[in-house]
């Protein structure tokens, strides 16, 4: 069996530290790709909805993670 992709659902735990998350999320994606030896690993994520808080900073960090090189 071969891993083809990952789906990430970010909970609210990082909502209080969006600048930290902006560093950690892309680092996690790069780390998974490196450790699995799959530079083109598809990495999908679910955005937090703004039910009780404004999560736009977390969503911005996730969006920035999409700009990572895959090679």
C-alpha atoms as a PDB file:
ATOM      1  CA  UNK A   1       0.000   0.000   0.000  1.00  0.00           C
ATOM      2  CA  UNK A   2       1.304   3.445  -0.877  1.00  0.00           C
ATOM      3  CA  UNK A   3       0.362   6.740   0.703  1.00  0.00           C
ATOM      4  CA  UNK A   4      -1.000   9.110  -1.936  1.00  0.00           C
ATOM      5  CA  UNK A   5      -2.156  12.020   0.154  1.00  0.00           C
ATOM      6  CA  UNK A   6      -3.187  13.348   3.521  1.00  0.00           C
ATOM      7  CA  UNK A   7      -6.256  15.199   4.728  1.00  0.00           C
ATOM      8  CA  UNK A   8      -5.757  17.553   7.657  1.00  0.00           C
ATOM      9  CA  UNK A   9      -8.530  18.947   9.816  1.00  0.00           C
ATOM     10  CA  UNK A  10      -7.136  21.670  12.037  1.00  0.00           C
ATOM     11  CA  UNK A  11      -8.935  22.097  15.317  1.00  0.00           C
ATOM     12  CA  UNK A  12      -9.216  25.326  17.252  1.00  0.00           C
ATOM     13  CA  UNK A  13      -6.200  24.735  19.512  1.00  0.00           C
ATOM     14  CA  UNK A  14      -3.906  26.980  17.455  1.00  0.00           C
ATOM     15  CA  UNK A  15      -6.370  29.845  17.085  1.00  0.00           C
ATOM     16  CA  UNK A  16      -4.667  31.839  19.824  1.00  0.00           C
ATOM     17  CA  UNK A  17      -1.243  31.683  18.159  1.00  0.00           C
ATOM     18  CA  UNK A  18      -1.715  32.228  14.429  1.00  0.00           C
ATOM     19  CA  UNK A  19       1.858  33.424  13.838  1.00  0.00           C
ATOM     20  CA  UNK A  20       3.186  30.204  15.369  1.00  0.00           C
ATOM     21  CA  UNK A  21       0.753  28.175  13.285  1.00  0.00           C
ATOM     22  CA  UNK A  22       1.881  30.013  10.157  1.00  0.00           C
ATOM     23  CA  UNK A  23       5.313  28.496  10.759  1.00  0.00           C
ATOM     24  CA  UNK A  24       4.240  25.112  12.093  1.00  0.00           C
ATOM     25  CA  UNK A  25       1.696  24.137   9.459  1.00  0.00           C
ATOM     26  CA  UNK A  26       3.977  24.500   6.404  1.00  0.00           C
ATOM     27  CA  UNK A  27       6.790  22.858   8.392  1.00  0.00           C
ATOM     28  CA  UNK A  28       4.537  19.893   9.137  1.00  0.00           C
ATOM     29  CA  UNK A  29       3.626  19.494   5.463  1.00  0.00           C
ATOM     30  CA  UNK A  30       7.296  19.645   4.438  1.00  0.00           C
ATOM     31  CA  UNK A  31       8.237  17.211   7.213  1.00  0.00           C
ATOM     32  CA  UNK A  32       5.627  14.639   6.207  1.00  0.00           C
ATOM     33  CA  UNK A  33       6.716  14.844   2.569  1.00  0.00           C
ATOM     34  CA  UNK A  34      10.334  14.409   3.590  1.00  0.00           C
ATOM     35  CA  UNK A  35       9.791  11.581   6.073  1.00  0.00           C
ATOM     36  CA  UNK A  36       7.575   9.603   3.730  1.00  0.00           C
ATOM     37  CA  UNK A  37       9.964  10.255   0.837  1.00  0.00           C
ATOM     38  CA  UNK A  38       7.076  11.630  -1.221  1.00  0.00           C
ATOM     39  CA  UNK A  39       7.921  15.161  -2.392  1.00  0.00           C
ATOM     40  CA  UNK A  40       4.648  15.376  -4.337  1.00  0.00           C
ATOM     41  CA  UNK A  41       2.435  14.085  -1.519  1.00  0.00           C
ATOM     42  CA  UNK A  42      -0.999  15.664  -1.893  1.00  0.00           C
ATOM     43  CA  UNK A  43      -1.884  17.533   1.293  1.00  0.00           C
ATOM     44  CA  UNK A  44      -5.476  18.669   1.608  1.00  0.00           C
ATOM     45  CA  UNK A  45      -6.782  20.642   4.544  1.00  0.00           C
ATOM     46  CA  UNK A  46     -10.130  21.705   5.916  1.00  0.00           C
ATOM     47  CA  UNK A  47     -10.582  25.357   6.812  1.00  0.00           C
ATOM     48  CA  UNK A  48     -12.071  26.302  10.161  1.00  0.00           C
ATOM     49  CA  UNK A  49     -15.452  27.925   9.830  1.00  0.00           C
ATOM     50  CA  UNK A  50     -16.049  31.207  11.648  1.00  0.00           C
ATOM     51  CA  UNK A  51     -18.871  30.044  13.911  1.00  0.00           C
ATOM     52  CA  UNK A  52     -17.829  31.581  17.199  1.00  0.00           C
ATOM     53  CA  UNK A  53     -14.517  33.247  16.308  1.00  0.00           C
ATOM     54  CA  UNK A  54     -12.706  34.824  13.421  1.00  0.00           C
ATOM     55  CA  UNK A  55     -10.253  32.189  12.185  1.00  0.00           C
ATOM     56  CA  UNK A  56      -9.094  34.184   9.186  1.00  0.00           C
ATOM     57  CA  UNK A  57      -5.485  34.270  10.453  1.00  0.00           C
ATOM     58  CA  UNK A  58      -5.405  30.469  10.699  1.00  0.00           C
ATOM     59  CA  UNK A  59      -6.935  30.166   7.233  1.00  0.00           C
ATOM     60  CA  UNK A  60      -4.295  32.592   5.913  1.00  0.00           C
ATOM     61  CA  UNK A  61      -1.550  30.407   7.402  1.00  0.00           C
ATOM     62  CA  UNK A  62      -3.050  27.351   5.733  1.00  0.00           C
ATOM     63  CA  UNK A  63      -3.243  29.172   2.429  1.00  0.00           C
ATOM     64  CA  UNK A  64       0.404  30.187   2.738  1.00  0.00           C
ATOM     65  CA  UNK A  65       1.233  26.511   3.222  1.00  0.00           C
ATOM     66  CA  UNK A  66      -0.097  25.847  -0.265  1.00  0.00           C
ATOM     67  CA  UNK A  67       2.810  27.816  -1.721  1.00  0.00           C
ATOM     68  CA  UNK A  68       5.361  25.231  -0.562  1.00  0.00           C
ATOM     69  CA  UNK A  69       7.534  23.686  -3.223  1.00  0.00           C
ATOM     70  CA  UNK A  70       6.775  20.015  -3.717  1.00  0.00           C
ATOM     71  CA  UNK A  71      10.211  19.070  -5.037  1.00  0.00           C
END
